C-alpha atoms as a PDB file:
ATOM      1  CA  UNK A   1     -43.598  24.911  42.293  1.00  0.00           C
ATOM      2  CA  UNK A   2     -40.558  25.139  44.210  1.00  0.00           C
ATOM      3  CA  UNK A   3     -37.537  22.728  43.691  1.00  0.00           C
ATOM      4  CA  UNK A   4     -37.188  19.742  45.447  1.00  0.00           C
ATOM      5  CA  UNK A   5     -33.529  19.512  45.759  1.00  0.00           C
ATOM      6  CA  UNK A   6     -30.956  22.061  44.754  1.00  0.00           C
ATOM      7  CA  UNK A   7     -27.259  21.499  44.264  1.00  0.00           C
ATOM      8  CA  UNK A   8     -24.829  24.167  44.644  1.00  0.00           C
ATOM      9  CA  UNK A   9     -21.498  23.665  43.239  1.00  0.00           C
ATOM     10  CA  UNK A  10     -18.805  26.167  44.763  1.00  0.00           C
ATOM     11  CA  UNK A  11     -19.585  27.224  48.274  1.00  0.00           C
ATOM     12  CA  UNK A  12     -18.052  30.944  48.530  1.00  0.00           C
ATOM     13  CA  UNK A  13     -20.038  34.091  49.204  1.00  0.00           C
ATOM     14  CA  UNK A  14     -22.913  33.503  46.651  1.00  0.00           C
ATOM     15  CA  UNK A  15     -23.009  29.477  46.794  1.00  0.00           C
ATOM     16  CA  UNK A  16     -23.104  29.779  50.776  1.00  0.00           C
ATOM     17  CA  UNK A  17     -25.500  32.354  50.600  1.00  0.00           C
ATOM     18  CA  UNK A  18     -27.698  30.452  48.534  1.00  0.00           C
ATOM     19  CA  UNK A  19     -27.647  27.698  50.690  1.00  0.00           C
ATOM     20  CA  UNK A  20     -28.392  29.559  53.704  1.00  0.00           C
ATOM     21  CA  UNK A  21     -31.043  31.475  51.895  1.00  0.00           C
ATOM     22  CA  UNK A  22     -33.007  28.154  50.758  1.00  0.00           C
ATOM     23  CA  UNK A  23     -32.977  26.661  54.519  1.00  0.00           C
ATOM     24  CA  UNK A  24     -34.514  29.781  55.719  1.00  0.00           C
ATOM     25  CA  UNK A  25     -36.920  30.858  52.910  1.00  0.00           C
ATOM     26  CA  UNK A  26     -37.454  27.161  51.435  1.00  0.00           C
ATOM     27  CA  UNK A  27     -37.204  24.878  54.279  1.00  0.00           C
ATOM     28  CA  UNK A  28     -38.934  22.061  52.527  1.00  0.00           C
ATOM     29  CA  UNK A  29     -36.150  21.858  49.969  1.00  0.00           C
ATOM     30  CA  UNK A  30     -32.993  19.685  50.322  1.00  0.00           C
ATOM     31  CA  UNK A  31     -29.478  21.184  49.459  1.00  0.00           C
ATOM     32  CA  UNK A  32     -26.452  19.412  48.637  1.00  0.00           C
ATOM     33  CA  UNK A  33     -22.971  21.174  47.986  1.00  0.00           C
ATOM     34  CA  UNK A  34     -19.664  20.731  46.733  1.00  0.00           C
ATOM     35  CA  UNK A  35     -16.309  22.605  46.404  1.00  0.00           C
ATOM     36  CA  UNK A  36     -13.283  21.742  44.618  1.00  0.00           C
ATOM     37  CA  UNK A  37     -11.109  23.220  47.632  1.00  0.00           C
ATOM     38  CA  UNK A  38     -11.245  20.672  50.717  1.00  0.00           C
ATOM     39  CA  UNK A  39     -10.614  23.326  53.067  1.00  0.00           C
ATOM     40  CA  UNK A  40     -13.790  25.112  51.989  1.00  0.00           C
ATOM     41  CA  UNK A  41     -15.859  21.895  51.998  1.00  0.00           C
ATOM     42  CA  UNK A  42     -14.722  21.389  55.784  1.00  0.00           C
ATOM     43  CA  UNK A  43     -15.729  25.101  56.558  1.00  0.00           C
ATOM     44  CA  UNK A  44     -19.153  24.891  54.660  1.00  0.00           C
ATOM     45  CA  UNK A  45     -19.799  21.751  56.916  1.00  0.00           C
ATOM     46  CA  UNK A  46     -19.043  23.330  60.062  1.00  0.00           C
ATOM     47  CA  UNK A  47     -21.143  26.573  59.154  1.00  0.00           C
ATOM     48  CA  UNK A  48     -23.986  24.245  57.863  1.00  0.00           C
ATOM     49  CA  UNK A  49     -23.927  25.646  54.279  1.00  0.00           C
ATOM     50  CA  UNK A  50     -26.007  23.120  52.511  1.00  0.00           C
ATOM     51  CA  UNK A  51     -27.760  20.184  54.358  1.00  0.00           C
ATOM     52  CA  UNK A  52     -24.955  17.884  52.938  1.00  0.00           C
ATOM     53  CA  UNK A  53     -21.648  18.906  51.689  1.00  0.00           C
ATOM     54  CA  UNK A  54     -20.519  16.177  49.639  1.00  0.00           C
ATOM     55  CA  UNK A  55     -16.701  14.804  48.735  1.00  0.00           C
ATOM     56  CA  UNK A  56     -17.602  14.322  45.092  1.00  0.00           C
ATOM     57  CA  UNK A  57     -19.291  16.763  42.385  1.00  0.00           C
ATOM     58  CA  UNK A  58     -21.115  13.747  40.933  1.00  0.00           C
ATOM     59  CA  UNK A  59     -22.510  13.009  44.396  1.00  0.00           C
ATOM     60  CA  UNK A  60     -23.703  16.469  45.113  1.00  0.00           C
ATOM     61  CA  UNK A  61     -25.740  16.754  41.699  1.00  0.00           C
ATOM     62  CA  UNK A  62     -27.289  13.250  41.684  1.00  0.00           C
ATOM     63  CA  UNK A  63     -30.928  13.462  42.007  1.00  0.00           C
ATOM     64  CA  UNK A  64     -31.246  17.298  41.826  1.00  0.00           C
ATOM     65  CA  UNK A  65     -33.889  19.161  39.884  1.00  0.00           C
ATOM     66  CA  UNK A  66     -31.960  22.410  40.274  1.00  0.00           C
ATOM     67  CA  UNK A  67     -28.176  22.534  39.892  1.00  0.00           C
ATOM     68  CA  UNK A  68     -26.606  25.936  40.292  1.00  0.00           C
ATOM     69  CA  UNK A  69     -22.747  26.557  39.281  1.00  0.00           C
ATOM     70  CA  UNK A  70     -21.470  29.231  41.670  1.00  0.00           C
ATOM     71  CA  UNK A  71     -17.945  29.186  40.477  1.00  0.00           C
ATOM     72  CA  UNK A  72     -15.529  31.763  38.741  1.00  0.00           C
ATOM     73  CA  UNK A  73     -16.382  31.966  34.675  1.00  0.00           C
ATOM     74  CA  UNK A  74     -13.071  30.444  33.936  1.00  0.00           C
ATOM     75  CA  UNK A  75     -13.897  27.234  36.082  1.00  0.00           C
ATOM     76  CA  UNK A  76     -17.143  26.783  34.356  1.00  0.00           C
ATOM     77  CA  UNK A  77     -16.221  24.267  31.612  1.00  0.00           C
ATOM     78  CA  UNK A  78     -14.429  21.904  34.216  1.00  0.00           C
ATOM     79  CA  UNK A  79     -17.418  22.067  36.775  1.00  0.00           C
ATOM     80  CA  UNK A  80     -19.723  21.439  33.991  1.00  0.00           C
ATOM     81  CA  UNK A  81     -17.665  18.475  32.737  1.00  0.00           C
ATOM     82  CA  UNK A  82     -17.398  17.207  36.703  1.00  0.00           C
ATOM     83  CA  UNK A  83     -21.253  16.988  36.770  1.00  0.00           C
ATOM     84  CA  UNK A  84     -22.074  15.880  33.379  1.00  0.00           C
ATOM     85  CA  UNK A  85     -22.513  12.057  34.000  1.00  0.00           C
ATOM     86  CA  UNK A  86     -24.502  12.382  36.993  1.00  0.00           C
ATOM     87  CA  UNK A  87     -27.182  15.197  36.019  1.00  0.00           C
ATOM     88  CA  UNK A  88     -30.933  13.809  36.112  1.00  0.00           C
ATOM     89  CA  UNK A  89     -32.473  14.275  32.592  1.00  0.00           C
ATOM     90  CA  UNK A  90     -35.074  16.438  33.981  1.00  0.00           C
ATOM     91  CA  UNK A  91     -32.756  18.862  35.922  1.00  0.00           C
ATOM     92  CA  UNK A  92     -32.320  22.567  35.153  1.00  0.00           C
ATOM     93  CA  UNK A  93     -28.475  23.529  35.146  1.00  0.00           C
ATOM     94  CA  UNK A  94     -28.199  27.240  35.966  1.00  0.00           C
ATOM     95  CA  UNK A  95     -25.086  29.820  37.312  1.00  0.00           C
ATOM     96  CA  UNK A  96     -24.450  32.961  39.106  1.00  0.00           C
ATOM     97  CA  UNK A  97     -21.862  34.471  36.661  1.00  0.00           C
ATOM     98  CA  UNK A  98     -21.568  38.159  35.691  1.00  0.00           C
ATOM     99  CA  UNK A  99     -20.898  37.567  32.026  1.00  0.00           C
ATOM    100  CA  UNK A 100     -23.874  35.635  30.457  1.00  0.00           C
ATOM    101  CA  UNK A 101     -23.216  35.282  26.667  1.00  0.00           C
ATOM    102  CA  UNK A 102     -19.742  33.372  27.357  1.00  0.00           C
ATOM    103  CA  UNK A 103     -21.193  31.193  30.240  1.00  0.00           C
ATOM    104  CA  UNK A 104     -24.389  30.348  28.011  1.00  0.00           C
ATOM    105  CA  UNK A 105     -22.327  29.117  25.222  1.00  0.00           C
ATOM    106  CA  UNK A 106     -19.673  27.273  27.683  1.00  0.00           C
ATOM    107  CA  UNK A 107     -22.820  25.433  29.300  1.00  0.00           C
ATOM    108  CA  UNK A 108     -24.758  24.690  26.442  1.00  0.00           C
ATOM    109  CA  UNK A 109     -21.696  23.136  24.647  1.00  0.00           C
ATOM    110  CA  UNK A 110     -20.490  21.378  27.674  1.00  0.00           C
ATOM    111  CA  UNK A 111     -24.030  20.088  28.924  1.00  0.00           C
ATOM    112  CA  UNK A 112     -25.771  18.721  25.429  1.00  0.00           C
ATOM    113  CA  UNK A 113     -29.482  17.761  25.858  1.00  0.00           C
ATOM    114  CA  UNK A 114     -29.820  19.226  29.165  1.00  0.00           C
ATOM    115  CA  UNK A 115     -32.190  22.402  30.022  1.00  0.00           C
ATOM    116  CA  UNK A 116     -29.637  25.537  30.802  1.00  0.00           C
ATOM    117  CA  UNK A 117     -30.953  28.506  32.215  1.00  0.00           C
ATOM    118  CA  UNK A 118     -28.309  31.098  33.281  1.00  0.00           C
ATOM    119  CA  UNK A 119     -28.846  33.681  35.755  1.00  0.00           C
ATOM    120  CA  UNK A 120     -26.950  36.430  37.661  1.00  0.00           C
ATOM    121  CA  UNK A 121     -28.008  37.576  41.243  1.00  0.00           C
ATOM    122  CA  UNK A 122     -26.643  41.125  41.076  1.00  0.00           C
ATOM    123  CA  UNK A 123     -25.327  40.911  44.990  1.00  0.00           C
ATOM    124  CA  UNK A 124     -22.465  40.528  46.673  1.00  0.00           C
ATOM    125  CA  UNK A 125     -19.793  42.021  48.995  1.00  0.00           C
ATOM    126  CA  UNK A 126     -16.044  42.664  48.905  1.00  0.00           C
ATOM    127  CA  UNK A 127     -15.637  39.546  51.082  1.00  0.00           C
ATOM    128  CA  UNK A 128     -15.343  35.799  49.552  1.00  0.00           C
ATOM    129  CA  UNK A 129     -15.206  32.330  50.781  1.00  0.00           C
ATOM    130  CA  UNK A 130     -17.429  29.875  52.928  1.00  0.00           C
ATOM    131  CA  UNK A 131     -17.311  32.454  55.715  1.00  0.00           C
ATOM    132  CA  UNK A 132     -18.846  35.410  53.982  1.00  0.00           C
ATOM    133  CA  UNK A 133     -22.185  34.010  52.847  1.00  0.00           C
ATOM    134  CA  UNK A 134     -25.525  35.015  54.568  1.00  0.00           C
ATOM    135  CA  UNK A 135     -29.105  34.140  54.180  1.00  0.00           C
ATOM    136  CA  UNK A 136     -30.393  37.758  53.300  1.00  0.00           C
ATOM    137  CA  UNK A 137     -27.594  38.572  50.742  1.00  0.00           C
ATOM    138  CA  UNK A 138     -30.383  38.434  47.956  1.00  0.00           C
ATOM    139  CA  UNK A 139     -33.033  40.231  49.839  1.00  0.00           C
ATOM    140  CA  UNK A 140     -34.423  43.403  47.553  1.00  0.00           C
ATOM    141  CA  UNK A 141     -31.414  42.800  45.342  1.00  0.00           C
ATOM    142  CA  UNK A 142     -31.849  41.873  41.542  1.00  0.00           C
ATOM    143  CA  UNK A 143     -31.377  38.762  39.765  1.00  0.00           C
ATOM    144  CA  UNK A 144     -31.138  38.625  36.019  1.00  0.00           C
ATOM    145  CA  UNK A 145     -32.337  35.268  34.370  1.00  0.00           C
ATOM    146  CA  UNK A 146     -31.093  35.290  30.909  1.00  0.00           C
ATOM    147  CA  UNK A 147     -32.647  32.279  29.120  1.00  0.00           C
ATOM    148  CA  UNK A 148     -31.819  31.003  25.565  1.00  0.00           C
ATOM    149  CA  UNK A 149     -34.152  31.695  23.055  1.00  0.00           C
ATOM    150  CA  UNK A 150     -35.739  27.987  22.885  1.00  0.00           C
ATOM    151  CA  UNK A 151     -35.875  27.915  26.776  1.00  0.00           C
ATOM    152  CA  UNK A 152     -39.208  26.158  28.321  1.00  0.00           C
ATOM    153  CA  UNK A 153     -41.158  28.884  29.433  1.00  0.00           C
ATOM    154  CA  UNK A 154     -42.418  26.671  32.395  1.00  0.00           C
ATOM    155  CA  UNK A 155     -38.926  26.100  33.268  1.00  0.00           C
ATOM    156  CA  UNK A 156     -37.897  29.874  33.044  1.00  0.00           C
ATOM    157  CA  UNK A 157     -40.857  30.927  35.467  1.00  0.00           C
ATOM    158  CA  UNK A 158     -40.124  28.086  37.890  1.00  0.00           C
ATOM    159  CA  UNK A 159     -36.253  29.469  38.242  1.00  0.00           C
ATOM    160  CA  UNK A 160     -37.732  33.124  38.536  1.00  0.00           C
ATOM    161  CA  UNK A 161     -39.972  31.832  41.399  1.00  0.00           C
ATOM    162  CA  UNK A 162     -37.083  30.056  42.951  1.00  0.00           C
ATOM    163  CA  UNK A 163     -34.844  33.332  43.202  1.00  0.00           C
ATOM    164  CA  UNK A 164     -38.140  35.516  44.141  1.00  0.00           C
ATOM    165  CA  UNK A 165     -38.788  33.079  46.878  1.00  0.00           C
ATOM    166  CA  UNK A 166     -35.060  33.872  48.320  1.00  0.00           C
ATOM    167  CA  UNK A 167     -36.094  37.679  48.244  1.00  0.00           C
ATOM    168  CA  UNK A 168     -34.729  38.589  44.945  1.00  0.00           C
ATOM    169  CA  UNK A 169     -36.524  41.209  42.507  1.00  0.00           C
ATOM    170  CA  UNK A 170     -36.102  39.315  39.024  1.00  0.00           C
ATOM    171  CA  UNK A 171     -35.901  40.364  35.670  1.00  0.00           C
ATOM    172  CA  UNK A 172     -35.376  38.379  32.313  1.00  0.00           C
ATOM    173  CA  UNK A 173     -33.277  39.674  29.623  1.00  0.00           C
ATOM    174  CA  UNK A 174     -31.234  38.502  26.431  1.00  0.00           C
ATOM    175  CA  UNK A 175     -27.813  37.608  27.415  1.00  0.00           C
ATOM    176  CA  UNK A 176     -26.049  39.971  25.005  1.00  0.00           C
ATOM    177  CA  UNK A 177     -27.911  43.057  26.608  1.00  0.00           C
ATOM    178  CA  UNK A 178     -27.500  41.925  30.027  1.00  0.00           C
ATOM    179  CA  UNK A 179     -23.435  41.650  29.318  1.00  0.00           C
ATOM    180  CA  UNK A 180     -23.486  45.446  28.247  1.00  0.00           C
ATOM    181  CA  UNK A 181     -25.658  46.576  30.836  1.00  0.00           C
ATOM    182  CA  UNK A 182     -23.400  45.112  33.628  1.00  0.00           C
ATOM    183  CA  UNK A 183     -20.366  46.388  31.727  1.00  0.00           C
ATOM    184  CA  UNK A 184     -21.626  49.758  32.459  1.00  0.00           C
ATOM    185  CA  UNK A 185     -23.017  49.274  35.941  1.00  0.00           C
ATOM    186  CA  UNK A 186     -20.473  46.545  37.404  1.00  0.00           C
ATOM    187  CA  UNK A 187     -17.415  45.778  35.221  1.00  0.00           C
ATOM    188  CA  UNK A 188     -16.318  49.226  34.389  1.00  0.00           C
ATOM    189  CA  UNK A 189     -16.694  50.304  38.144  1.00  0.00           C
ATOM    190  CA  UNK A 190     -14.705  47.578  39.433  1.00  0.00           C
ATOM    191  CA  UNK A 191     -12.034  48.029  36.752  1.00  0.00           C
ATOM    192  CA  UNK A 192     -11.727  51.848  37.635  1.00  0.00           C
ATOM    193  CA  UNK A 193     -11.657  51.069  41.441  1.00  0.00           C
ATOM    194  CA  UNK A 194      -8.907  48.469  40.818  1.00  0.00           C
ATOM    195  CA  UNK A 195      -6.712  50.764  38.843  1.00  0.00           C
ATOM    196  CA  UNK A 196      -7.400  53.928  41.021  1.00  0.00           C
ATOM    197  CA  UNK A 197      -6.375  51.709  44.095  1.00  0.00           C
ATOM    198  CA  UNK A 198      -3.187  50.615  42.122  1.00  0.00           C
ATOM    199  CA  UNK A 199      -2.485  54.032  41.045  1.00  0.00           C
ATOM    200  CA  UNK A 200      -2.549  55.418  44.731  1.00  0.00           C
ATOM    201  CA  UNK A 201      -0.552  52.543  45.989  1.00  0.00           C
ATOM    202  CA  UNK A 202       2.370  52.871  43.319  1.00  0.00           C
ATOM    203  CA  UNK A 203       2.651  56.838  43.456  1.00  0.00           C
ATOM    204  CA  UNK A 204       6.456  57.573  44.217  1.00  0.00           C
ATOM    205  CA  UNK A 205       5.461  61.034  45.912  1.00  0.00           C
ATOM    206  CA  UNK A 206       3.018  59.684  48.258  1.00  0.00           C
ATOM    207  CA  UNK A 207       3.818  56.623  50.552  1.00  0.00           C
ATOM    208  CA  UNK A 208       1.700  53.665  51.097  1.00  0.00           C
ATOM    209  CA  UNK A 209       1.214  54.674  54.757  1.00  0.00           C
ATOM    210  CA  UNK A 210       0.023  58.334  53.832  1.00  0.00           C
ATOM    211  CA  UNK A 211      -2.560  56.826  51.351  1.00  0.00           C
ATOM    212  CA  UNK A 212      -4.009  54.422  54.034  1.00  0.00           C
ATOM    213  CA  UNK A 213      -3.797  57.062  56.859  1.00  0.00           C
ATOM    214  CA  UNK A 214      -5.399  59.967  54.865  1.00  0.00           C
ATOM    215  CA  UNK A 215      -7.928  57.738  52.749  1.00  0.00           C
ATOM    216  CA  UNK A 216     -11.181  60.197  52.265  1.00  0.00           C
ATOM    217  CA  UNK A 217     -14.481  58.616  51.827  1.00  0.00           C
ATOM    218  CA  UNK A 218     -14.334  58.428  48.085  1.00  0.00           C
ATOM    219  CA  UNK A 219     -10.959  56.488  48.307  1.00  0.00           C
ATOM    220  CA  UNK A 220     -12.127  54.148  51.141  1.00  0.00           C
ATOM    221  CA  UNK A 221     -15.104  53.333  48.685  1.00  0.00           C
ATOM    222  CA  UNK A 222     -12.747  52.499  46.073  1.00  0.00           C
ATOM    223  CA  UNK A 223     -11.000  50.323  48.095  1.00  0.00           C
ATOM    224  CA  UNK A 224     -13.996  48.337  49.250  1.00  0.00           C
ATOM    225  CA  UNK A 225     -14.648  47.544  45.441  1.00  0.00           C
ATOM    226  CA  UNK A 226     -11.038  46.700  44.807  1.00  0.00           C
ATOM    227  CA  UNK A 227     -10.932  43.967  47.359  1.00  0.00           C
ATOM    228  CA  UNK A 228     -13.373  41.807  45.716  1.00  0.00           C
ATOM    229  CA  UNK A 229     -12.079  38.373  44.565  1.00  0.00           C
ATOM    230  CA  UNK A 230      -9.382  38.750  41.861  1.00  0.00           C
ATOM    231  CA  UNK A 231     -10.092  35.341  40.361  1.00  0.00           C
ATOM    232  CA  UNK A 232     -13.758  35.977  39.780  1.00  0.00           C
ATOM    233  CA  UNK A 233     -12.899  39.753  38.355  1.00  0.00           C
ATOM    234  CA  UNK A 234     -10.008  38.335  36.224  1.00  0.00           C
ATOM    235  CA  UNK A 235     -12.417  35.922  34.672  1.00  0.00           C
ATOM    236  CA  UNK A 236     -15.202  38.613  34.047  1.00  0.00           C
ATOM    237  CA  UNK A 237     -12.967  40.837  32.035  1.00  0.00           C
ATOM    238  CA  UNK A 238     -11.631  38.061  29.927  1.00  0.00           C
ATOM    239  CA  UNK A 239     -15.114  36.706  29.388  1.00  0.00           C
ATOM    240  CA  UNK A 240     -16.996  39.999  28.710  1.00  0.00           C
ATOM    241  CA  UNK A 241     -14.318  41.425  26.642  1.00  0.00           C
ATOM    242  CA  UNK A 242     -16.313  42.903  23.882  1.00  0.00           C
ATOM    243  CA  UNK A 243     -18.839  44.735  25.962  1.00  0.00           C
ATOM    244  CA  UNK A 244     -16.146  46.043  28.518  1.00  0.00           C
ATOM    245  CA  UNK A 245     -14.120  47.412  25.623  1.00  0.00           C
ATOM    246  CA  UNK A 246     -17.402  49.095  24.227  1.00  0.00           C
ATOM    247  CA  UNK A 247     -18.250  50.805  27.426  1.00  0.00           C
ATOM    248  CA  UNK A 248     -14.492  51.568  28.328  1.00  0.00           C
ATOM    249  CA  UNK A 249     -14.284  53.559  25.382  1.00  0.00           C
ATOM    250  CA  UNK A 250     -17.204  55.564  26.125  1.00  0.00           C
ATOM    251  CA  UNK A 251     -15.938  56.432  29.391  1.00  0.00           C
ATOM    252  CA  UNK A 252     -12.511  57.277  28.420  1.00  0.00           C
ATOM    253  CA  UNK A 253     -14.404  59.853  26.078  1.00  0.00           C
ATOM    254  CA  UNK A 254     -16.213  61.234  28.906  1.00  0.00           C
ATOM    255  CA  UNK A 255     -13.048  61.267  30.715  1.00  0.00           C
ATOM    256  CA  UNK A 256     -11.062  63.065  28.157  1.00  0.00           C
ATOM    257  CA  UNK A 257     -14.144  65.819  28.245  1.00  0.00           C
ATOM    258  CA  UNK A 258     -13.763  66.400  32.018  1.00  0.00           C
ATOM    259  CA  UNK A 259     -10.010  66.527  31.660  1.00  0.00           C
ATOM    260  CA  UNK A 260     -10.397  69.420  29.055  1.00  0.00           C
ATOM    261  CA  UNK A 261     -13.238  70.933  31.352  1.00  0.00           C
ATOM    262  CA  UNK A 262     -10.689  71.079  34.203  1.00  0.00           C
ATOM    263  CA  UNK A 263      -8.085  72.383  32.148  1.00  0.00           C
ATOM    264  CA  UNK A 264     -10.010  75.198  30.573  1.00  0.00           C
ATOM    265  CA  UNK A 265     -11.570  76.197  33.957  1.00  0.00           C
ATOM    266  CA  UNK A 266     -15.013  75.363  32.470  1.00  0.00           C
ATOM    267  CA  UNK A 267     -16.761  75.170  35.786  1.00  0.00           C
ATOM    268  CA  UNK A 268     -20.360  75.245  33.994  1.00  0.00           C
ATOM    269  CA  UNK A 269     -19.579  71.726  32.537  1.00  0.00           C
ATOM    270  CA  UNK A 270     -18.562  70.276  35.749  1.00  0.00           C
ATOM    271  CA  UNK A 271     -21.215  71.620  37.555  1.00  0.00           C
ATOM    272  CA  UNK A 272     -23.842  70.261  35.042  1.00  0.00           C
ATOM    273  CA  UNK A 273     -22.204  66.745  35.008  1.00  0.00           C
ATOM    274  CA  UNK A 274     -21.810  66.521  38.891  1.00  0.00           C
ATOM    275  CA  UNK A 275     -25.441  67.742  39.171  1.00  0.00           C
ATOM    276  CA  UNK A 276     -26.671  65.178  36.566  1.00  0.00           C
ATOM    277  CA  UNK A 277     -24.686  62.025  38.532  1.00  0.00           C
ATOM    278  CA  UNK A 278     -25.867  63.429  41.733  1.00  0.00           C
ATOM    279  CA  UNK A 279     -29.576  62.662  40.504  1.00  0.00           C
ATOM    280  CA  UNK A 280     -28.669  59.350  39.302  1.00  0.00           C
ATOM    281  CA  UNK A 281     -27.291  58.580  43.075  1.00  0.00           C
ATOM    282  CA  UNK A 282     -30.695  59.907  44.488  1.00  0.00           C
ATOM    283  CA  UNK A 283     -32.583  57.516  42.049  1.00  0.00           C
ATOM    284  CA  UNK A 284     -30.720  54.511  43.056  1.00  0.00           C
ATOM    285  CA  UNK A 285     -31.345  55.213  46.884  1.00  0.00           C
ATOM    286  CA  UNK A 286     -34.990  56.030  45.903  1.00  0.00           C
ATOM    287  CA  UNK A 287     -35.485  52.441  44.344  1.00  0.00           C
ATOM    288  CA  UNK A 288     -34.062  50.771  47.681  1.00  0.00           C
ATOM    289  CA  UNK A 289     -30.954  49.755  45.827  1.00  0.00           C
ATOM    290  CA  UNK A 290     -28.573  51.528  48.339  1.00  0.00           C
ATOM    291  CA  UNK A 291     -29.016  53.533  51.570  1.00  0.00           C
ATOM    292  CA  UNK A 292     -28.453  57.333  52.173  1.00  0.00           C
ATOM    293  CA  UNK A 293     -26.911  56.965  55.186  1.00  0.00           C
ATOM    294  CA  UNK A 294     -22.902  58.028  55.221  1.00  0.00           C
ATOM    295  CA  UNK A 295     -22.022  54.334  55.786  1.00  0.00           C
ATOM    296  CA  UNK A 296     -24.417  53.396  52.820  1.00  0.00           C
ATOM    297  CA  UNK A 297     -26.101  51.334  55.454  1.00  0.00           C
ATOM    298  CA  UNK A 298     -23.809  48.611  55.247  1.00  0.00           C
ATOM    299  CA  UNK A 299     -22.971  47.846  58.829  1.00  0.00           C
ATOM    300  CA  UNK A 300     -22.785  44.200  60.050  1.00  0.00           C
ATOM    301  CA  UNK A 301     -24.788  42.283  57.662  1.00  0.00           C
ATOM    302  CA  UNK A 302     -24.151  38.768  59.165  1.00  0.00           C
END
């Protein structure tokens, strides 16, 4: 059974895309929205990201049977506090953050007595803000739902159905397991991208203009990732620290082995590693999680 009224707190890329997707895929569901930034609220009204954009967080959630917090991880406690007094007793509170253990603990502590079922749509672009959202963002992308152990199964199934209705493929898993998986597939790649782009920019022997002018495909892809919302990613690393550090240690060990292979002229080790990783790329394309075309098929998504 779909939700009657979905309230979206935070109207950037993900929140705005949820609002537009609900309008397109669940036309009988009412949407309300709120953002802490007045300029975002104005632009959200102009774009029609939700049926109603409210001037108060409490007003936005009043009467909602699903509330989705689409704010940076560090802003979750404040967002929960802003809506607590106006939540309907039967509503489900969810989110879209990418570090689930911390968020689960935050929301359960901030909203005692309410049903909290976190989720993470593994979808996005390097763009942010109310102009970045589009209704197709979740199509054929994974959404990972991480219910607490004592969560009501019917409520979990209802949230899963909601995300599937928006075109997502849904998986449920434990919050701690999610954080380890995402540390490898998302968090470490972003950390590497931010770092390598910063390194290239800081090199004294290469001017900034040359880095930009002669950017090859690989570096361009790093810059795309490194253009992601800095507030969101700062909060991700602060709140998924243990899993990120564990996976970062593993990566640094592998990187050191590759450095030694280069130093020793060990072409076989390099060839074997590159062949294995090439096969992983092909598997990702085969699963429909990316496009084999040179531009990754990204083009104009709006």
